[in-house]
Amino acid sequence: MSFFKKLKDRMLRSSSKIDEGLDAIIEKRAVDVALEPDPQPEAMPDPQPEAMPEPEPDAAPRPLAPQSHDLAPAPKPVPVPSVSPPVAEPAPAAKPGFLGRLVSRTVEPRRALDDEMLESLEDLLIAADMGVDTALRVTANMAEGRHGRMMSATDIKGLLAAEIARVMEPVARPLPIYPKKPQVVLVVGVNGSGKTTTIGKLASQFKAAGKTVVIAAGDTFRAAAVEQLQVWGQRAGVPVLTAPEGSDPAALAFDAMTRAEADGADLLMIDTAGRLQNRADLMEELAKIVRVIRKKDPDAPHNTILVLDATTGQNALSQVKTFQEMANVSGLVMTKLDGTAKGGVLVALADKFGLPIHAIGVGEQIDDLQPFDPEDFARAVVGLD
């Protein structure tokens, strides 16, 4: 199954929400322009029996009333059985022509693109977590030069997908690879965002592409995260450096850089403990990791990836703002797009911050994390094939 097909299928909640919303918007003031078949003519009432016409001159004369001098009595009338007249079957209705059949199948209800429709569309996009500012900008661009035009739901979906793709195109960039060895990739995010799994998938994919990778299990406070990385390391043949539980993650990061440098590794991926963006003490700990890394290499980390959980909705905006201030975030990975009906948050992030989106995830398998494609994403969000 292609990733786009998987993306579209697993984002069904998001696309269904927009589908249903667009249908409702169109139907509210729809004008059905489909050609209806001509109505069948009403049945005419049965004609009344007409008076018998006068016989023609050469017709046989009517019998006269019997006279008194007739010897033979008049014969008794022979009863005739009553027979109902046959009912004429109605003629078969004429089949519609080819053009009529074609039009009736393909023409959709339409509605004029007016101010009321634009307001409804804005509300729908805001409900899909696109944010107020982005929703207003998207709908304004959709309406430009089209105000008053009759639109179907398919027309609107096409315009919406094109506008989403336009917003996303500048930020659709893969993780850059530099000649510097080791290239240090710091991975940050809140609890449960999918950092550890993302690191494992990326490391496996880079190893499959011929890169030598080292992983540092910097979440020294959660044994499960270390074990998870070790499993991914075994799958991909990538070494995973660990430290005793509760150790200083900054010290582990420094040691991992020394090891990766000695091994000539292409990439060093450093996991970090999940932390809420409103916890100043935890964010300061992250800043300490960055300071220690830079003692080894002033340009490190060369990439700081923020992993975001799509189900957090608009809260992702505040996460990006805080992590960018503390760790100089250079790119984003969005996970769990299969678990939300609000995929529009990714559009809001692109519109507000303009940070590169390196990859998106829609599942737990290694091929469920793929480079971000703006057109595929836009079509999946609105439910287009």
Protein backbone atom coordinates (compact mmCIF):
# COMPACT_ATOMS: atom_id res chain seq x y z
CA MET A 1 0.00 0.00 0.00
CA SER A 2 1.39 3.43 -0.94
CA PHE A 3 2.00 5.89 1.86
CA PHE A 4 -0.52 8.31 0.34
CA LYS A 5 -3.21 5.61 0.36
CA LYS A 6 -2.31 4.79 3.95
CA LEU A 7 -2.32 8.49 4.85
CA LYS A 8 -5.72 9.04 3.26
CA ASP A 9 -7.23 5.91 4.83
CA ARG A 10 -5.87 6.64 8.29
CA MET A 11 -6.78 10.32 8.19
CA LEU A 12 -10.37 9.29 7.51
CA ARG A 13 -11.61 11.09 10.63
CA SER A 14 -10.13 14.38 9.46
CA SER A 15 -11.24 14.06 5.83
CA SER A 16 -14.71 12.84 6.85
CA LYS A 17 -15.15 15.84 9.13
CA ILE A 18 -14.30 18.24 6.31
CA ASP A 19 -16.32 16.21 3.78
CA GLU A 20 -19.44 16.32 5.92
CA GLY A 21 -18.93 19.98 6.72
CA LEU A 22 -18.54 20.99 3.08
CA ASP A 23 -21.60 18.98 2.05
CA ALA A 24 -23.64 20.70 4.76
CA ILE A 25 -22.41 24.14 3.69
CA ILE A 26 -23.33 23.53 0.05
CA GLU A 27 -26.70 21.94 0.80
CA LYS A 28 -27.75 24.80 3.07
CA ARG A 29 -28.39 27.08 0.08
CA ALA A 30 -27.88 24.63 -2.76
CA VAL A 31 -29.29 25.03 -6.24
CA ASP A 32 -29.70 21.61 -7.83
CA VAL A 33 -28.76 22.08 -11.46
CA ALA A 34 -29.00 18.43 -12.43
CA LEU A 35 -31.42 17.80 -15.30
CA GLU A 36 -34.54 16.08 -14.06
CA PRO A 37 -36.37 13.68 -16.40
CA ASP A 38 -39.50 15.10 -18.02
CA PRO A 39 -42.58 14.27 -15.96
CA GLN A 40 -44.85 11.61 -17.43
CA PRO A 41 -48.12 13.00 -18.85
CA GLU A 42 -51.08 12.67 -16.55
CA ALA A 43 -53.44 9.81 -17.37
CA MET A 44 -56.40 11.05 -19.35
CA PRO A 45 -59.86 10.07 -18.10
CA ASP A 46 -61.65 7.30 -20.02
CA PRO A 47 -63.74 8.84 -22.82
CA GLN A 48 -67.49 8.92 -22.33
CA PRO A 49 -69.46 6.65 -24.69
CA GLU A 50 -70.56 8.64 -27.70
CA ALA A 51 -73.99 8.53 -29.24
CA MET A 52 -74.31 6.00 -32.03
CA PRO A 53 -74.03 7.71 -35.36
CA GLU A 54 -76.96 7.68 -37.80
CA PRO A 55 -76.75 4.72 -40.17
CA GLU A 56 -75.50 5.40 -43.63
CA PRO A 57 -78.12 5.34 -46.35
CA ASP A 58 -77.05 1.92 -47.59
CA ALA A 59 -77.13 0.39 -44.12
CA ALA A 60 -79.73 -2.25 -43.33
CA PRO A 61 -83.03 -0.76 -42.08
CA ARG A 62 -83.88 -1.07 -38.45
CA PRO A 63 -86.53 -3.74 -37.67
CA LEU A 64 -90.03 -2.27 -37.14
CA ALA A 65 -92.04 -2.72 -33.99
CA PRO A 66 -94.21 -5.83 -34.24
CA GLN A 67 -97.72 -5.21 -35.58
CA SER A 68 -100.91 -6.69 -34.26
CA HIS A 69 -101.45 -8.76 -37.39
CA ASP A 70 -98.06 -10.53 -37.14
CA LEU A 71 -98.79 -14.24 -36.53
CA ALA A 72 -95.49 -15.23 -34.95
CA PRO A 73 -94.67 -13.80 -31.58
CA ALA A 74 -91.50 -11.84 -31.29
CA PRO A 75 -88.57 -14.05 -30.34
CA LYS A 76 -87.27 -13.73 -26.79
CA PRO A 77 -83.96 -11.94 -26.55
CA VAL A 78 -81.02 -14.25 -25.97
CA PRO A 79 -78.99 -13.12 -22.95
CA VAL A 80 -75.47 -12.11 -23.89
CA PRO A 81 -72.73 -12.67 -21.26
CA SER A 82 -71.18 -9.46 -19.98
CA VAL A 83 -67.58 -9.07 -21.10
CA SER A 84 -65.39 -6.24 -19.81
CA PRO A 85 -63.67 -4.34 -22.55
CA PRO A 86 -59.92 -4.97 -22.74
CA VAL A 87 -57.77 -2.49 -20.82
CA ALA A 88 -55.16 -0.88 -22.99
CA GLU A 89 -51.61 -1.19 -21.51
CA PRO A 90 -49.79 2.14 -21.17
CA ALA A 91 -47.08 2.77 -23.68
CA PRO A 92 -43.54 2.37 -22.26
CA ALA A 93 -41.97 5.63 -21.11
CA ALA A 94 -39.41 7.01 -23.46
CA LYS A 95 -35.82 6.53 -22.22
CA PRO A 96 -33.85 9.74 -21.60
CA GLY A 97 -31.25 10.54 -24.18
CA PHE A 98 -27.53 9.93 -23.66
CA LEU A 99 -26.83 13.56 -22.80
CA GLY A 100 -29.64 13.64 -20.25
CA ARG A 101 -28.36 10.47 -18.55
CA LEU A 102 -24.80 11.81 -18.51
CA VAL A 103 -25.74 15.18 -17.02
CA SER A 104 -28.04 13.70 -14.37
CA ARG A 105 -25.18 11.50 -13.14
CA THR A 106 -22.40 14.09 -13.05
CA VAL A 107 -23.86 17.46 -12.08
CA GLU A 108 -23.73 18.23 -8.34
CA PRO A 109 -25.74 20.66 -6.25
CA ARG A 110 -24.06 24.04 -6.26
CA ARG A 111 -24.17 27.19 -4.23
CA ALA A 112 -22.96 30.71 -4.83
CA LEU A 113 -19.66 31.53 -3.13
CA ASP A 114 -20.90 34.42 -0.98
CA ASP A 115 -20.00 35.96 2.38
CA GLU A 116 -22.24 33.60 4.33
CA MET A 117 -20.65 30.56 2.70
CA LEU A 118 -17.14 31.90 3.42
CA GLU A 119 -18.01 32.39 7.08
CA SER A 120 -19.26 28.80 7.30
CA LEU A 121 -16.08 27.59 5.62
CA GLU A 122 -13.95 29.58 8.08
CA ASP A 123 -15.79 27.97 11.01
CA LEU A 124 -15.21 24.52 9.52
CA LEU A 125 -11.46 25.09 9.13
CA ILE A 126 -11.16 26.52 12.64
CA ALA A 127 -12.91 23.41 13.97
CA ALA A 128 -10.29 21.34 12.10
CA ASP A 129 -7.63 23.16 14.17
CA MET A 130 -6.33 25.34 11.37
CA GLY A 131 -6.47 28.39 13.62
CA VAL A 132 -8.34 31.65 13.14
CA ASP A 133 -5.66 33.59 11.28
CA THR A 134 -4.80 30.75 8.90
CA ALA A 135 -8.46 29.91 8.26
CA LEU A 136 -9.20 33.54 7.35
CA ARG A 137 -6.20 33.70 5.03
CA VAL A 138 -7.03 30.40 3.31
CA THR A 139 -10.69 31.27 2.68
CA ALA A 140 -9.79 34.76 1.45
CA ASN A 141 -7.39 33.29 -1.10
CA MET A 142 -10.00 30.73 -2.17
CA ALA A 143 -12.57 33.49 -2.77
CA GLU A 144 -10.27 35.78 -4.71
CA GLY A 145 -11.75 36.28 -8.19
CA ARG A 146 -14.50 33.72 -7.50
CA HIS A 147 -17.03 35.66 -5.42
CA GLY A 148 -20.55 34.88 -6.59
CA ARG A 149 -19.51 31.88 -8.65
CA MET A 150 -21.59 28.71 -8.33
CA MET A 151 -19.57 26.04 -6.50
CA SER A 152 -20.10 22.36 -5.74
CA ALA A 153 -18.56 20.51 -2.78
CA THR A 154 -16.01 18.96 -5.16
CA ASP A 155 -15.06 22.41 -6.44
CA ILE A 156 -14.52 23.67 -2.89
CA LYS A 157 -12.47 20.62 -1.93
CA GLY A 158 -10.23 21.13 -4.95
CA LEU A 159 -9.70 24.81 -4.12
CA LEU A 160 -9.07 24.01 -0.46
CA ALA A 161 -6.53 21.28 -1.28
CA ALA A 162 -4.69 23.61 -3.66
CA GLU A 163 -4.55 26.38 -1.06
CA ILE A 164 -3.33 24.01 1.69
CA ALA A 165 -0.64 22.67 -0.64
CA ARG A 166 0.42 26.24 -1.46
CA VAL A 167 0.87 27.02 2.26
CA MET A 168 2.75 23.78 2.90
CA GLU A 169 5.02 23.75 -0.14
CA PRO A 170 7.75 26.06 1.28
CA VAL A 171 8.14 23.97 4.47
CA ALA A 172 8.21 20.50 2.90
CA ARG A 173 11.93 19.77 3.29
CA PRO A 174 13.68 16.54 4.28
CA LEU A 175 16.20 16.47 7.10
CA PRO A 176 19.36 18.00 5.60
CA ILE A 177 22.53 15.89 5.63
CA TYR A 178 25.82 17.73 6.12
CA PRO A 179 29.39 16.59 5.42
CA LYS A 180 30.25 17.25 9.08
CA LYS A 181 30.93 14.04 11.05
CA PRO A 182 29.24 13.34 13.29
CA GLN A 183 26.16 15.34 12.39
CA VAL A 184 24.39 15.79 15.73
CA VAL A 185 20.58 15.54 15.67
CA LEU A 186 18.88 16.49 18.94
CA VAL A 187 15.28 15.28 19.26
CA VAL A 188 12.96 17.10 21.68
CA GLY A 189 9.26 17.17 22.53
CA VAL A 190 6.68 16.79 25.26
CA ASN A 191 5.80 13.55 27.02
CA GLY A 192 4.19 10.97 24.77
CA SER A 193 4.75 12.84 21.50
CA GLY A 194 6.54 9.89 19.90
CA LYS A 195 10.18 11.03 20.13
CA THR A 196 11.68 7.62 20.90
CA THR A 197 9.79 5.83 18.13
CA THR A 198 10.64 8.61 15.67
CA ILE A 199 14.35 8.32 16.47
CA GLY A 200 14.24 4.56 15.95
CA LYS A 201 12.47 4.88 12.60
CA LEU A 202 14.77 7.64 11.33
CA ALA A 203 17.90 5.76 12.44
CA SER A 204 16.71 2.63 10.67
CA GLN A 205 15.92 4.55 7.49
CA PHE A 206 19.29 6.35 7.49
CA LYS A 207 21.10 3.07 8.09
CA ALA A 208 19.21 1.51 5.16
CA ALA A 209 20.37 4.49 3.04
CA GLY A 210 23.99 3.66 3.81
CA LYS A 211 24.67 6.06 6.69
CA THR A 212 26.42 5.02 9.90
CA VAL A 213 24.30 6.02 12.87
CA VAL A 214 24.78 6.14 16.64
CA ILE A 215 21.87 6.65 19.07
CA ALA A 216 22.22 8.17 22.53
CA ALA A 217 19.41 7.23 24.93
CA GLY A 218 19.27 10.59 26.68
CA ASP A 219 15.96 9.92 28.43
CA THR A 220 17.79 8.62 31.50
CA PHE A 221 14.68 8.92 33.67
CA ARG A 222 12.50 6.41 31.81
CA ALA A 223 13.73 2.85 31.48
CA ALA A 224 11.05 2.02 28.90
CA ALA A 225 12.42 4.63 26.50
CA VAL A 226 15.92 3.12 26.72
CA GLU A 227 14.57 -0.39 26.10
CA GLN A 228 12.53 0.81 23.14
CA LEU A 229 15.59 2.42 21.54
CA GLN A 230 17.62 -0.73 22.14
CA VAL A 231 15.00 -2.76 20.27
CA TRP A 232 15.15 -0.35 17.31
CA GLY A 233 18.95 -0.44 17.45
CA GLN A 234 18.96 -4.22 17.23
CA ARG A 235 16.57 -4.15 14.26
CA ALA A 236 18.68 -1.65 12.34
CA GLY A 237 22.12 -2.75 13.51
CA VAL A 238 22.72 0.64 15.13
CA PRO A 239 24.60 1.02 18.46
CA VAL A 240 22.63 2.56 21.32
CA LEU A 241 24.60 4.32 24.06
CA THR A 242 23.00 4.31 27.51
CA ALA A 243 23.73 5.54 31.03
CA PRO A 244 22.52 4.42 34.45
CA GLU A 245 18.98 5.46 35.30
CA GLY A 246 18.88 8.97 36.73
CA SER A 247 22.23 9.99 35.20
CA ASP A 248 22.86 13.49 33.88
CA PRO A 249 21.60 13.48 30.26
CA ALA A 250 24.00 16.30 29.33
CA ALA A 251 26.97 14.14 30.36
CA LEU A 252 25.63 11.24 28.27
CA ALA A 253 25.28 13.53 25.24
CA PHE A 254 28.90 14.65 25.62
CA ASP A 255 30.16 11.05 25.89
CA ALA A 256 28.05 10.02 22.90
CA MET A 257 29.63 12.74 20.77
CA THR A 258 33.09 11.46 21.74
CA ARG A 259 32.12 7.89 20.81
CA ALA A 260 30.49 8.88 17.49
CA GLU A 261 33.53 10.96 16.60
CA ALA A 262 35.88 8.06 17.30
CA ASP A 263 33.75 5.66 15.23
CA GLY A 264 33.52 8.08 12.29
CA ALA A 265 29.72 7.94 12.42
CA ASP A 266 27.72 10.04 9.97
CA LEU A 267 24.89 10.76 12.40
CA LEU A 268 24.48 10.96 16.16
CA MET A 269 20.82 11.03 17.21
CA ILE A 270 20.23 12.10 20.81
CA ASP A 271 16.95 11.28 22.51
CA THR A 272 15.80 13.54 25.34
CA ALA A 273 13.27 13.11 28.11
CA GLY A 274 9.79 14.41 27.42
CA ARG A 275 9.08 17.72 29.08
CA LEU A 276 6.12 20.04 29.22
CA GLN A 277 6.73 23.42 27.68
CA ASN A 278 5.40 25.17 30.80
CA ARG A 279 7.94 23.55 33.15
CA ALA A 280 10.80 26.04 33.42
CA ASP A 281 13.09 23.63 35.30
CA LEU A 282 12.80 20.94 32.63
CA MET A 283 13.28 23.41 29.82
CA GLU A 284 16.43 24.71 31.54
CA GLU A 285 17.72 21.14 31.67
CA LEU A 286 17.29 20.96 27.90
CA ALA A 287 19.19 24.21 27.49
CA LYS A 288 22.01 22.67 29.55
CA ILE A 289 22.26 19.73 27.12
CA VAL A 290 22.68 22.19 24.24
CA ARG A 291 25.39 24.12 26.11
CA VAL A 292 27.37 20.96 26.88
CA ILE A 293 27.12 19.72 23.28
CA ARG A 294 28.51 23.03 22.05
CA LYS A 295 31.60 22.64 24.22
CA LYS A 296 32.44 19.69 21.99
CA ASP A 297 31.32 21.31 18.73
CA PRO A 298 30.26 24.98 18.65
CA ASP A 299 27.98 24.29 15.69
CA ALA A 300 26.17 21.40 17.38
CA PRO A 301 23.44 20.36 17.44
CA HIS A 302 23.29 20.64 13.67
CA ASN A 303 19.59 19.75 13.68
CA THR A 304 17.09 20.11 16.51
CA ILE A 305 13.91 18.23 15.66
CA LEU A 306 10.73 18.91 17.59
CA VAL A 307 8.37 15.93 17.52
CA LEU A 308 4.72 16.97 17.79
CA ASP A 309 1.66 14.89 18.55
CA ALA A 310 -1.12 15.87 16.12
CA THR A 311 -3.80 15.05 18.70
CA THR A 312 -2.70 18.00 20.88
CA GLY A 313 -4.29 20.40 18.39
CA GLN A 314 -3.66 24.11 18.88
CA ASN A 315 -1.44 23.37 21.89
CA ALA A 316 1.22 22.43 19.33
CA LEU A 317 1.62 26.14 18.53
CA SER A 318 2.69 26.99 22.07
CA GLN A 319 5.02 23.98 22.11
CA VAL A 320 6.82 25.18 19.00
CA LYS A 321 7.17 28.70 20.39
CA THR A 322 8.68 27.57 23.70
CA PHE A 323 10.99 24.87 22.33
CA GLN A 324 12.20 27.22 19.63
CA GLU A 325 13.23 29.75 22.27
CA MET A 326 15.01 27.18 24.46
CA ALA A 327 16.58 24.83 21.91
CA ASN A 328 16.58 26.68 18.58
CA VAL A 329 14.30 24.18 16.80
CA SER A 330 15.29 23.69 13.16
CA GLY A 331 12.55 21.33 11.95
CA LEU A 332 9.38 19.43 12.84
CA VAL A 333 8.08 15.87 12.70
CA MET A 334 4.33 15.41 13.17
CA THR A 335 3.16 12.05 14.52
CA LYS A 336 -0.21 10.40 15.16
CA LEU A 337 -2.03 12.02 12.27
CA ASP A 338 -4.12 8.84 12.15
CA GLY A 339 -5.52 9.57 15.61
CA THR A 340 -7.07 12.98 15.08
CA ALA A 341 -9.85 14.67 13.15
CA LYS A 342 -7.90 17.94 13.30
CA GLY A 343 -5.03 17.59 10.83
CA GLY A 344 -5.33 21.30 10.08
CA VAL A 345 -2.94 22.10 12.93
CA LEU A 346 -0.03 21.27 10.62
CA VAL A 347 -1.25 23.98 8.21
CA ALA A 348 -1.41 26.48 11.09
CA LEU A 349 2.16 25.59 12.13
CA ALA A 350 3.47 26.06 8.60
CA ASP A 351 1.65 29.36 8.21
CA LYS A 352 2.73 30.78 11.58
CA PHE A 353 6.33 29.55 11.98
CA GLY A 354 7.53 28.47 8.54
CA LEU A 355 9.71 25.73 10.08
CA PRO A 356 10.66 22.80 7.82
CA ILE A 357 8.42 19.77 8.19
CA HIS A 358 10.73 16.79 7.69
CA ALA A 359 8.33 13.89 8.09
CA ILE A 360 4.85 12.84 9.20
CA GLY A 361 3.71 9.63 10.83
CA VAL A 362 0.44 7.71 10.65
CA GLY A 363 1.26 4.50 12.50
CA GLU A 364 3.76 2.34 14.36
CA GLN A 365 5.53 0.57 11.48
CA ILE A 366 8.84 1.84 10.09
CA ASP A 367 7.25 2.80 6.76
CA ASP A 368 4.54 4.77 8.57
CA LEU A 369 7.01 7.66 8.93
CA GLN A 370 7.70 9.27 5.57
CA PRO A 371 9.01 12.55 4.14
CA PHE A 372 6.33 15.21 4.09
CA ASP A 373 4.60 15.70 0.74
CA PRO A 374 2.36 18.82 0.71
CA GLU A 375 0.09 17.76 -2.15
CA ASP A 376 -0.53 14.27 -0.76
CA PHE A 377 -1.21 15.73 2.67
CA ALA A 378 -3.61 18.38 1.32
CA ARG A 379 -5.59 15.84 -0.70
CA ALA A 380 -5.75 13.45 2.25
CA VAL A 381 -7.01 16.18 4.60
CA VAL A 382 -9.93 17.16 2.35
CA GLY A 383 -10.67 13.58 1.26
CA LEU A 384 -9.76 13.82 -2.43
CA ASP A 385 -8.57 10.70 -4.28
